[in-house]
C-alpha atoms as a PDB file:
ATOM      1  CA  UNK A   1     112.806 100.395 113.319  1.00  0.00           C
ATOM      2  CA  UNK A   2     112.879  98.290 110.191  1.00  0.00           C
ATOM      3  CA  UNK A   3     112.536  98.716 106.446  1.00  0.00           C
ATOM      4  CA  UNK A   4     108.803  98.073 106.328  1.00  0.00           C
ATOM      5  CA  UNK A   5     107.999 100.667 108.994  1.00  0.00           C
ATOM      6  CA  UNK A   6     110.082 103.254 107.152  1.00  0.00           C
ATOM      7  CA  UNK A   7     108.469 102.411 103.815  1.00  0.00           C
ATOM      8  CA  UNK A   8     104.990 102.756 105.359  1.00  0.00           C
ATOM      9  CA  UNK A   9     105.702 106.477 105.912  1.00  0.00           C
ATOM     10  CA  UNK A  10     106.662 107.117 102.279  1.00  0.00           C
ATOM     11  CA  UNK A  11     104.427 107.647  99.264  1.00  0.00           C
ATOM     12  CA  UNK A  12     105.453 107.935  95.635  1.00  0.00           C
ATOM     13  CA  UNK A  13     104.685 111.481  94.508  1.00  0.00           C
ATOM     14  CA  UNK A  14     104.966 112.921  98.018  1.00  0.00           C
ATOM     15  CA  UNK A  15     106.700 116.299  98.101  1.00  0.00           C
ATOM     16  CA  UNK A  16     108.923 117.575 100.914  1.00  0.00           C
ATOM     17  CA  UNK A  17     109.808 121.251 101.212  1.00  0.00           C
ATOM     18  CA  UNK A  18     113.576 121.712 101.350  1.00  0.00           C
ATOM     19  CA  UNK A  19     114.753 123.853 104.297  1.00  0.00           C
ATOM     20  CA  UNK A  20     115.966 126.761 102.155  1.00  0.00           C
ATOM     21  CA  UNK A  21     114.247 126.524  98.796  1.00  0.00           C
ATOM     22  CA  UNK A  22     112.800 124.041  96.378  1.00  0.00           C
ATOM     23  CA  UNK A  23     111.314 120.617  96.945  1.00  0.00           C
ATOM     24  CA  UNK A  24     112.176 116.941  96.974  1.00  0.00           C
ATOM     25  CA  UNK A  25     109.607 114.620  95.394  1.00  0.00           C
ATOM     26  CA  UNK A  26     109.632 110.864  95.993  1.00  0.00           C
ATOM     27  CA  UNK A  27     109.919 109.032  92.685  1.00  0.00           C
ATOM     28  CA  UNK A  28     110.121 105.456  93.963  1.00  0.00           C
ATOM     29  CA  UNK A  29     110.647 103.352  97.062  1.00  0.00           C
ATOM     30  CA  UNK A  30     111.905  99.790  97.093  1.00  0.00           C
ATOM     31  CA  UNK A  31     113.670  97.513  99.581  1.00  0.00           C
ATOM     32  CA  UNK A  32     117.016  99.174  98.908  1.00  0.00           C
ATOM     33  CA  UNK A  33     116.506 102.866  98.099  1.00  0.00           C
ATOM     34  CA  UNK A  34     114.306 105.897  98.313  1.00  0.00           C
ATOM     35  CA  UNK A  35     114.658 107.700  94.991  1.00  0.00           C
ATOM     36  CA  UNK A  36     113.655 111.352  94.917  1.00  0.00           C
ATOM     37  CA  UNK A  37     113.830 114.275  92.548  1.00  0.00           C
ATOM     38  CA  UNK A  38     115.371 117.525  93.721  1.00  0.00           C
ATOM     39  CA  UNK A  39     115.410 120.206  91.066  1.00  0.00           C
ATOM     40  CA  UNK A  40     116.349 118.319  87.920  1.00  0.00           C
ATOM     41  CA  UNK A  41     118.467 115.719  89.768  1.00  0.00           C
ATOM     42  CA  UNK A  42     117.421 112.185  90.627  1.00  0.00           C
ATOM     43  CA  UNK A  43     118.997 111.171  93.948  1.00  0.00           C
ATOM     44  CA  UNK A  44     118.935 107.930  95.930  1.00  0.00           C
ATOM     45  CA  UNK A  45     119.032 107.583  99.690  1.00  0.00           C
ATOM     46  CA  UNK A  46     119.847 103.971 100.618  1.00  0.00           C
ATOM     47  CA  UNK A  47     117.407 102.591 103.165  1.00  0.00           C
ATOM     48  CA  UNK A  48     120.251 100.919 105.089  1.00  0.00           C
ATOM     49  CA  UNK A  49     121.791 104.390 105.577  1.00  0.00           C
ATOM     50  CA  UNK A  50     118.550 105.885 106.890  1.00  0.00           C
ATOM     51  CA  UNK A  51     118.074 103.024 109.355  1.00  0.00           C
ATOM     52  CA  UNK A  52     121.714 103.174 110.487  1.00  0.00           C
ATOM     53  CA  UNK A  53     121.483 106.901 111.168  1.00  0.00           C
ATOM     54  CA  UNK A  54     118.288 106.764 113.186  1.00  0.00           C
ATOM     55  CA  UNK A  55     119.542 103.814 115.223  1.00  0.00           C
ATOM     56  CA  UNK A  56     123.077 105.102 115.833  1.00  0.00           C
ATOM     57  CA  UNK A  57     121.982 108.684 116.566  1.00  0.00           C
ATOM     58  CA  UNK A  58     118.933 107.798 118.692  1.00  0.00           C
ATOM     59  CA  UNK A  59     118.697 110.225 121.608  1.00  0.00           C
ATOM     60  CA  UNK A  60     121.434 112.437 120.134  1.00  0.00           C
ATOM     61  CA  UNK A  61     121.933 115.619 118.172  1.00  0.00           C
ATOM     62  CA  UNK A  62     122.865 114.966 114.531  1.00  0.00           C
ATOM     63  CA  UNK A  63     123.987 117.638 112.072  1.00  0.00           C
ATOM     64  CA  UNK A  64     124.516 117.507 108.336  1.00  0.00           C
ATOM     65  CA  UNK A  65     128.251 117.673 109.122  1.00  0.00           C
ATOM     66  CA  UNK A  66     127.880 114.651 111.428  1.00  0.00           C
ATOM     67  CA  UNK A  67     126.195 112.738 108.593  1.00  0.00           C
ATOM     68  CA  UNK A  68     128.954 113.611 106.125  1.00  0.00           C
ATOM     69  CA  UNK A  69     131.553 112.332 108.612  1.00  0.00           C
ATOM     70  CA  UNK A  70     129.495 109.267 109.569  1.00  0.00           C
ATOM     71  CA  UNK A  71     128.777 108.003 106.055  1.00  0.00           C
ATOM     72  CA  UNK A  72     130.484 110.163 103.403  1.00  0.00           C
ATOM     73  CA  UNK A  73     129.686 107.725 100.602  1.00  0.00           C
ATOM     74  CA  UNK A  74     126.000 108.562 101.134  1.00  0.00           C
ATOM     75  CA  UNK A  75     125.946 112.114 102.542  1.00  0.00           C
ATOM     76  CA  UNK A  76     129.018 113.934 101.207  1.00  0.00           C
ATOM     77  CA  UNK A  77     129.098 115.184  97.621  1.00  0.00           C
ATOM     78  CA  UNK A  78     132.696 116.319  98.233  1.00  0.00           C
ATOM     79  CA  UNK A  79     133.919 112.970  99.625  1.00  0.00           C
ATOM     80  CA  UNK A  80     137.653 112.854  98.816  1.00  0.00           C
ATOM     81  CA  UNK A  81     138.038 109.211  99.890  1.00  0.00           C
ATOM     82  CA  UNK A  82     136.136 107.396  97.178  1.00  0.00           C
ATOM     83  CA  UNK A  83     132.500 107.097  96.202  1.00  0.00           C
ATOM     84  CA  UNK A  84     130.759 110.435  96.429  1.00  0.00           C
ATOM     85  CA  UNK A  85     127.438 110.709  98.184  1.00  0.00           C
ATOM     86  CA  UNK A  86     124.983 113.553  97.909  1.00  0.00           C
ATOM     87  CA  UNK A  87     124.710 116.368 100.445  1.00  0.00           C
ATOM     88  CA  UNK A  88     120.971 116.680  99.682  1.00  0.00           C
ATOM     89  CA  UNK A  89     120.513 113.310 101.389  1.00  0.00           C
ATOM     90  CA  UNK A  90     121.127 115.059 104.723  1.00  0.00           C
ATOM     91  CA  UNK A  91     118.134 117.390 104.576  1.00  0.00           C
ATOM     92  CA  UNK A  92     115.991 114.757 102.855  1.00  0.00           C
ATOM     93  CA  UNK A  93     116.675 112.330 105.711  1.00  0.00           C
ATOM     94  CA  UNK A  94     115.854 115.080 108.227  1.00  0.00           C
ATOM     95  CA  UNK A  95     112.527 115.837 106.477  1.00  0.00           C
ATOM     96  CA  UNK A  96     111.526 112.163 106.411  1.00  0.00           C
ATOM     97  CA  UNK A  97     112.469 111.799 110.100  1.00  0.00           C
ATOM     98  CA  UNK A  98     110.402 114.908 110.848  1.00  0.00           C
ATOM     99  CA  UNK A  99     107.391 113.378 109.081  1.00  0.00           C
ATOM    100  CA  UNK A 100     107.885 110.190 111.109  1.00  0.00           C
ATOM    101  CA  UNK A 101     107.924 112.303 114.299  1.00  0.00           C
ATOM    102  CA  UNK A 102     111.232 110.826 115.455  1.00  0.00           C
ATOM    103  CA  UNK A 103     112.961 114.172 115.981  1.00  0.00           C
ATOM    104  CA  UNK A 104     112.377 116.909 118.541  1.00  0.00           C
ATOM    105  CA  UNK A 105     111.646 120.542 117.599  1.00  0.00           C
ATOM    106  CA  UNK A 106     112.089 120.176 113.836  1.00  0.00           C
ATOM    107  CA  UNK A 107     115.154 120.969 111.772  1.00  0.00           C
ATOM    108  CA  UNK A 108     117.428 123.532 113.405  1.00  0.00           C
ATOM    109  CA  UNK A 109     120.409 125.542 112.148  1.00  0.00           C
ATOM    110  CA  UNK A 110     120.904 127.722 109.104  1.00  0.00           C
ATOM    111  CA  UNK A 111     122.547 125.264 106.727  1.00  0.00           C
ATOM    112  CA  UNK A 112     125.739 127.320 106.479  1.00  0.00           C
ATOM    113  CA  UNK A 113     129.345 126.833 107.514  1.00  0.00           C
ATOM    114  CA  UNK A 114     129.547 127.079 111.303  1.00  0.00           C
ATOM    115  CA  UNK A 115     125.771 126.616 111.701  1.00  0.00           C
ATOM    116  CA  UNK A 116     124.782 123.436 109.813  1.00  0.00           C
ATOM    117  CA  UNK A 117     121.289 121.984 109.791  1.00  0.00           C
ATOM    118  CA  UNK A 118     120.747 119.579 112.660  1.00  0.00           C
ATOM    119  CA  UNK A 119     118.084 117.574 114.439  1.00  0.00           C
ATOM    120  CA  UNK A 120     117.766 115.835 117.791  1.00  0.00           C
ATOM    121  CA  UNK A 121     116.554 112.265 117.390  1.00  0.00           C
ATOM    122  CA  UNK A 122     114.140 110.892 119.983  1.00  0.00           C
END
């Protein structure tokens, strides 16, 4: 998958329901980032990160914990080793992947310690 295919699935103003509560609304999409609003926060998910995840986890289970370990500078708001990411990027990525129909059986898990959200990529 490439940037243009990903971008073709995204529309400014589109709203995704967060797994527990609230929404994420796409503010803008460019060649580098998907910017979305969650609550009162503006968050960016780098497109390179999305593409890396779906390519590297193709055919595998991927949890929010896996994402934080894989790319903490994008997915871990508690990253102790430098640039902090944003944990909301995990569920946002899962929702976009769900819309693209590249995961099986939707988002699983409870989003809590010991039972994180996860998906199985096709």
